[in-house]
Structures are given as structure tokens and as C-alpha cells.
Protein backbone atom coordinates (compact mmCIF):
# COMPACT_ATOMS: atom_id res chain seq x y z
CA MET A 1 154.00 106.77 202.22
CA HIS A 2 150.86 105.65 200.48
CA ALA A 3 149.58 102.27 199.44
CA ALA A 4 147.00 101.03 197.01
CA ILE A 5 145.00 97.85 197.14
CA TYR A 6 143.98 96.45 193.77
CA ARG A 7 141.48 93.61 193.29
CA TRP A 8 141.02 91.74 190.01
CA ARG A 9 138.91 88.92 188.68
CA VAL A 10 140.89 86.73 186.29
CA ALA A 11 139.58 83.81 184.26
CA PRO A 12 141.40 80.55 185.12
CA GLU A 13 142.90 80.28 181.63
CA HIS A 14 144.56 83.70 182.04
CA GLU A 15 145.91 83.30 185.59
CA ALA A 16 149.44 82.21 184.65
CA ASP A 17 149.77 85.08 182.18
CA PHE A 18 148.30 87.52 184.71
CA ARG A 19 150.85 86.52 187.34
CA ARG A 20 153.74 86.70 184.87
CA ARG A 21 152.66 90.17 183.71
CA TRP A 22 152.13 91.35 187.31
CA HIS A 23 155.76 90.34 188.05
CA GLU A 24 157.10 92.07 184.93
CA ILE A 25 155.15 95.28 185.46
CA THR A 26 155.96 95.48 189.18
CA GLN A 27 159.67 94.86 188.65
CA ASP A 28 159.81 97.51 185.91
CA ILE A 29 158.01 100.05 188.09
CA VAL A 30 160.36 99.41 191.03
CA GLU A 31 163.52 99.55 188.89
CA HIS A 32 162.64 102.46 186.61
CA HIS A 33 159.69 104.44 187.95
CA GLY A 34 160.05 104.82 191.72
CA GLY A 35 157.47 102.31 192.91
CA GLY A 36 157.81 100.76 196.35
CA GLY A 37 157.03 97.18 195.40
CA SER A 38 153.93 95.06 195.66
CA ARG A 39 152.59 91.76 196.96
CA LEU A 40 150.11 89.64 195.07
CA HIS A 41 147.59 87.51 196.94
CA ARG A 42 144.91 85.01 196.03
CA ALA A 43 141.64 85.59 197.93
CA GLU A 44 139.39 82.81 199.15
CA ASN A 45 136.79 83.72 196.52
CA GLY A 46 139.37 83.36 193.71
CA ASP A 47 139.97 87.10 193.16
CA TRP A 48 143.53 88.37 192.93
CA VAL A 49 144.52 91.16 195.34
CA ALA A 50 147.71 93.22 195.33
CA TYR A 51 149.05 95.67 197.84
CA ALA A 52 151.46 98.22 196.34
CA ARG A 53 153.46 101.03 197.97
CA TRP A 54 153.78 104.41 196.31
CA PRO A 55 155.05 107.85 197.34
CA GLY A 56 151.63 109.11 196.17
CA LYS A 57 148.87 108.65 193.61
CA ALA A 58 150.43 111.17 191.20
CA ASP A 59 153.64 109.08 191.23
CA ARG A 60 151.64 105.98 190.27
CA ASP A 61 149.93 107.89 187.46
CA ARG A 62 153.28 109.11 186.11
CA ALA A 63 154.78 105.61 186.33
CA PHE A 64 151.96 104.01 184.36
CA ALA A 65 151.96 106.82 181.77
CA ALA A 66 155.74 106.51 181.34
CA ARG A 67 155.50 102.73 180.87
CA MET A 68 152.90 103.22 178.14
CA ARG A 69 155.09 105.79 176.34
CA GLU A 70 158.36 103.88 176.70
CA LYS A 71 157.24 100.31 176.15
CA HIS A 72 153.89 100.74 174.43
CA ASP A 73 152.84 98.23 177.07
CA THR A 74 149.35 97.33 178.16
CA THR A 75 148.06 95.85 181.38
CA PRO A 76 146.19 92.53 181.61
CA GLN A 77 142.93 94.43 182.17
CA GLU A 78 143.51 96.49 179.02
CA GLU A 79 144.02 93.22 177.13
CA GLY A 80 140.75 91.78 178.46
CA LYS A 81 142.56 89.15 180.54
CA ALA A 82 141.62 90.63 183.92
CA VAL A 83 138.92 92.87 185.30
CA LEU A 84 140.03 95.49 187.83
CA LEU A 85 137.21 95.37 190.38
CA GLU A 86 138.54 97.79 192.93
CA GLU A 87 141.34 100.22 193.73
CA ILE A 88 141.59 101.62 197.26
CA TRP A 89 144.13 104.31 198.17
CA LEU A 90 145.53 104.36 201.69
CA THR A 91 147.80 106.63 203.69
CA VAL A 92 150.15 104.57 205.84
CA THR A 93 149.92 105.85 209.41
CA ASP A 94 151.64 103.03 211.33
CA ASP A 95 153.75 100.19 209.99
CA LEU A 96 154.37 97.08 212.07
CA LEU A 97 154.65 94.64 209.16
CA ILE A 98 157.67 92.40 209.65
CA PRO A 99 159.99 92.34 206.61
CA GLU A 100 159.75 89.05 204.72
CA ASN A 101 163.33 87.98 205.51
CA ASP A 102 162.80 88.52 209.24
CA LEU A 103 159.70 86.31 209.56
CA PRO A 104 160.01 83.07 211.56
CA GLU A 105 160.31 79.84 209.54
CA ARG A 106 156.66 78.86 210.21
CA PHE A 107 155.61 81.69 207.85
CA HIS A 108 157.50 80.11 204.97
CA GLU A 109 155.96 76.64 205.31
CA GLU A 110 153.18 75.66 202.91
CA THR A 111 149.86 75.01 204.61
């Protein structure tokens, strides 16, 4: 399994749209293009960071190309609503992340 870390800078007025589009795109990729899901995070400096699982980089490339062909869809960065600052590809070697539903209650409390 592979993972990618994406980091964006998004203007405050585009944040709600960015999050909505991230949800739509991720759900479509999982349901129709073999993606392994993603988590979106807000960094302390205001950047947005996502961690996404993929079988490999070629699978990600095919998924994005297929979405463009099928839906004539663009990403927030292509629309000028986000700037992709970084993409880092990782090979998962060990996985000790606890599934979301198995986390203790203290992880679900707002702090």
C-alpha cells in the first residue's frame, strides 16, 4: 500500500468550498476509482493537509484522469481556489493506526 500527503494553502473565503469539494472528490474516487480513502486536516499554520491511501501512484493518476474524462471535473487548485504546496509519496511499511471506530471516546471529544 502507498500513501500520499497533500498540503494546500486555501484563502479563507474558499475554505468551505474546498472542504465540500474534497469530500465529493474523495468519495467519488473511493466509490468508482479504487482509492483507499483520505483524511483532511487543518495545520497550525492554517494550511490544509490530507493523507490519502492508494495502491500506487499510477492508480492515482488513472483515477484523476478518469474523473476528468467522465465528469469534466476540475480540482479546487485548477479553479484557483487552492494552491497545492506539496505532494509526498510514501510506501507504508508498518501500520499501527487504530481504526476510527475503535478509538477511545476521549479521541472524539472536542478540545
